[in-house]
């Protein structure tokens, strides 16, 4: 996998994490929704996982470009 591909996948993963964070935040703010705590918690966990994966992929893409 090339460095540019890793960089693109890392950015996609970070933005997917941002999307899941916004879903979790919206689930937390919706006060009359039945399962808001479960949705917000799952959204925050997924956001953390995707953001961490994206940062790792970005760091690996920069390391590969220097070699």
N, C-alpha and C. Protein backbone atom coordinates (compact mmCIF):
# COMPACT_ATOMS: atom_id res chain seq x y z
N UNK A 1 0.86 -1.16 0.00
CA UNK A 1 0.00 0.00 0.00
C UNK A 1 0.91 1.24 0.00
N UNK A 2 0.62 2.17 -0.87
CA UNK A 2 1.49 3.34 -0.99
C UNK A 2 1.22 4.34 0.14
N UNK A 3 2.12 5.27 0.26
CA UNK A 3 2.02 6.29 1.31
C UNK A 3 0.81 7.19 1.10
N UNK A 4 0.52 7.51 -0.15
CA UNK A 4 -0.64 8.36 -0.44
C UNK A 4 -1.95 7.64 -0.13
N UNK A 5 -1.99 6.34 -0.37
CA UNK A 5 -3.19 5.57 -0.05
C UNK A 5 -3.40 5.52 1.47
N UNK A 6 -2.33 5.32 2.22
CA UNK A 6 -2.44 5.31 3.68
C UNK A 6 -2.89 6.67 4.20
N UNK A 7 -2.37 7.73 3.62
CA UNK A 7 -2.75 9.07 4.04
C UNK A 7 -4.24 9.32 3.76
N UNK A 8 -4.72 8.89 2.59
CA UNK A 8 -6.13 9.07 2.24
C UNK A 8 -7.03 8.26 3.16
N UNK A 9 -6.64 7.01 3.43
CA UNK A 9 -7.44 6.18 4.34
C UNK A 9 -7.42 6.73 5.76
N UNK A 10 -6.30 7.30 6.18
CA UNK A 10 -6.23 7.92 7.50
C UNK A 10 -7.17 9.11 7.62
N UNK A 11 -7.20 9.96 6.59
CA UNK A 11 -8.11 11.11 6.62
C UNK A 11 -9.57 10.68 6.58
N UNK A 12 -9.88 9.67 5.78
CA UNK A 12 -11.25 9.15 5.74
C UNK A 12 -11.64 8.60 7.11
N UNK A 13 -10.73 7.92 7.76
CA UNK A 13 -11.01 7.35 9.08
C UNK A 13 -11.22 8.45 10.12
N UNK A 14 -10.42 9.51 10.06
CA UNK A 14 -10.59 10.62 11.01
C UNK A 14 -11.94 11.30 10.81
N UNK A 15 -12.31 11.52 9.56
CA UNK A 15 -13.61 12.16 9.31
C UNK A 15 -14.78 11.24 9.64
N UNK A 16 -14.60 9.94 9.49
CA UNK A 16 -15.64 9.01 9.94
C UNK A 16 -15.76 9.06 11.46
N UNK A 17 -14.63 9.19 12.15
CA UNK A 17 -14.67 9.36 13.60
C UNK A 17 -15.40 10.63 13.99
N UNK A 18 -15.19 11.70 13.25
CA UNK A 18 -15.91 12.95 13.51
C UNK A 18 -17.40 12.77 13.30
N UNK A 19 -17.78 12.03 12.26
CA UNK A 19 -19.19 11.75 12.01
C UNK A 19 -19.81 10.97 13.17
N UNK A 20 -19.13 9.94 13.65
CA UNK A 20 -19.66 9.17 14.77
C UNK A 20 -19.72 10.01 16.04
N UNK A 21 -18.76 10.93 16.23
CA UNK A 21 -18.83 11.83 17.37
C UNK A 21 -20.07 12.70 17.30
N UNK A 22 -20.37 13.23 16.13
CA UNK A 22 -21.56 14.06 15.97
C UNK A 22 -22.84 13.26 16.17
N UNK A 23 -22.84 12.00 15.73
CA UNK A 23 -24.01 11.14 15.99
C UNK A 23 -24.18 10.90 17.48
N UNK A 24 -23.07 10.64 18.18
CA UNK A 24 -23.15 10.46 19.63
C UNK A 24 -23.59 11.72 20.35
N UNK A 25 -23.10 12.87 19.89
CA UNK A 25 -23.48 14.14 20.50
C UNK A 25 -24.96 14.43 20.26
N UNK A 26 -25.44 14.15 19.06
CA UNK A 26 -26.86 14.36 18.76
C UNK A 26 -27.73 13.41 19.59
N UNK A 27 -27.27 12.18 19.77
CA UNK A 27 -28.01 11.23 20.60
C UNK A 27 -28.07 11.68 22.05
N UNK A 28 -27.02 12.31 22.52
CA UNK A 28 -26.99 12.80 23.89
C UNK A 28 -27.92 14.02 24.07
N UNK A 29 -28.01 14.86 23.04
CA UNK A 29 -28.79 16.09 23.14
C UNK A 29 -30.29 15.86 22.96
N UNK A 30 -30.67 14.78 22.30
CA UNK A 30 -32.09 14.50 22.06
C UNK A 30 -32.68 13.94 23.34
N UNK A 31 -33.43 14.76 24.05
CA UNK A 31 -33.87 14.39 25.40
C UNK A 31 -35.07 13.44 25.41
N UNK A 32 -35.91 13.45 24.38
CA UNK A 32 -37.09 12.60 24.42
C UNK A 32 -36.94 11.30 23.63
N UNK A 33 -35.71 10.99 23.21
CA UNK A 33 -35.46 9.76 22.47
C UNK A 33 -35.24 8.62 23.47
N UNK A 34 -35.76 7.43 23.17
CA UNK A 34 -35.77 6.32 24.13
C UNK A 34 -34.37 5.77 24.42
N UNK A 35 -33.56 5.53 23.41
CA UNK A 35 -32.26 4.87 23.60
C UNK A 35 -31.10 5.83 23.44
N UNK A 36 -31.23 7.04 23.97
CA UNK A 36 -30.21 8.05 23.71
C UNK A 36 -28.88 7.75 24.38
N UNK A 37 -28.88 7.15 25.55
CA UNK A 37 -27.62 6.87 26.23
C UNK A 37 -26.81 5.80 25.50
N UNK A 38 -27.49 4.76 25.02
CA UNK A 38 -26.79 3.70 24.30
C UNK A 38 -26.22 4.21 22.98
N UNK A 39 -26.98 5.03 22.27
CA UNK A 39 -26.52 5.55 20.99
C UNK A 39 -25.36 6.51 21.20
N UNK A 40 -25.46 7.36 22.20
CA UNK A 40 -24.37 8.32 22.41
C UNK A 40 -23.10 7.63 22.87
N UNK A 41 -23.21 6.63 23.73
CA UNK A 41 -22.03 5.91 24.19
C UNK A 41 -21.38 5.14 23.04
N UNK A 42 -22.18 4.47 22.24
CA UNK A 42 -21.64 3.74 21.09
C UNK A 42 -21.01 4.70 20.09
N UNK A 43 -21.63 5.84 19.89
CA UNK A 43 -21.07 6.83 18.98
C UNK A 43 -19.73 7.36 19.45
N UNK A 44 -19.61 7.62 20.75
CA UNK A 44 -18.34 8.13 21.27
C UNK A 44 -17.24 7.07 21.21
N UNK A 45 -17.57 5.82 21.49
CA UNK A 45 -16.57 4.75 21.40
C UNK A 45 -16.12 4.54 19.95
N UNK A 46 -17.07 4.53 19.03
CA UNK A 46 -16.72 4.36 17.62
C UNK A 46 -15.89 5.54 17.13
N UNK A 47 -16.22 6.74 17.60
CA UNK A 47 -15.46 7.93 17.20
C UNK A 47 -14.02 7.82 17.68
N UNK A 48 -13.82 7.38 18.89
CA UNK A 48 -12.47 7.22 19.41
C UNK A 48 -11.68 6.17 18.65
N UNK A 49 -12.34 5.07 18.31
CA UNK A 49 -11.65 4.01 17.58
C UNK A 49 -11.26 4.46 16.17
N UNK A 50 -12.19 5.10 15.46
CA UNK A 50 -11.88 5.55 14.11
C UNK A 50 -10.83 6.66 14.12
N UNK A 51 -10.91 7.57 15.07
CA UNK A 51 -9.93 8.66 15.13
C UNK A 51 -8.54 8.10 15.44
N UNK A 52 -8.45 7.15 16.36
CA UNK A 52 -7.15 6.55 16.69
C UNK A 52 -6.58 5.80 15.48
N UNK A 53 -7.43 5.07 14.78
CA UNK A 53 -6.98 4.36 13.59
C UNK A 53 -6.50 5.34 12.52
N UNK A 54 -7.22 6.44 12.36
CA UNK A 54 -6.83 7.44 11.38
C UNK A 54 -5.51 8.09 11.70
N UNK A 55 -5.29 8.42 12.97
CA UNK A 55 -4.02 9.04 13.37
C UNK A 55 -2.86 8.06 13.17
N UNK A 56 -3.07 6.81 13.51
CA UNK A 56 -2.01 5.81 13.32
C UNK A 56 -1.67 5.66 11.84
N UNK A 57 -2.70 5.62 11.00
CA UNK A 57 -2.45 5.48 9.57
C UNK A 57 -1.75 6.71 9.00
N UNK A 58 -2.12 7.90 9.48
CA UNK A 58 -1.43 9.10 9.02
C UNK A 58 0.03 9.11 9.45
N UNK A 59 0.29 8.71 10.68
CA UNK A 59 1.68 8.68 11.14
C UNK A 59 2.50 7.66 10.36
N UNK A 60 1.91 6.51 10.05
CA UNK A 60 2.63 5.51 9.26
C UNK A 60 2.86 5.98 7.83
N UNK A 61 1.93 6.78 7.30
CA UNK A 61 2.12 7.25 5.92
C UNK A 61 3.27 8.27 5.87
N UNK A 62 3.43 9.09 6.89
CA UNK A 62 4.53 10.04 6.90
C UNK A 62 5.87 9.33 7.10
N UNK A 63 5.86 8.27 7.90
CA UNK A 63 7.09 7.51 8.13
C UNK A 63 7.53 6.82 6.85
N UNK A 64 6.58 6.28 6.10
CA UNK A 64 6.91 5.58 4.87
C UNK A 64 7.42 6.51 3.78
N UNK A 65 6.98 7.76 3.81
CA UNK A 65 7.39 8.70 2.78
C UNK A 65 8.85 9.14 2.96
N UNK A 66 9.33 9.18 4.18
CA UNK A 66 10.70 9.61 4.45
C UNK A 66 11.73 8.57 4.04
N UNK A 67 11.37 7.28 4.08
CA UNK A 67 12.34 6.22 3.78
C UNK A 67 12.64 6.14 2.30
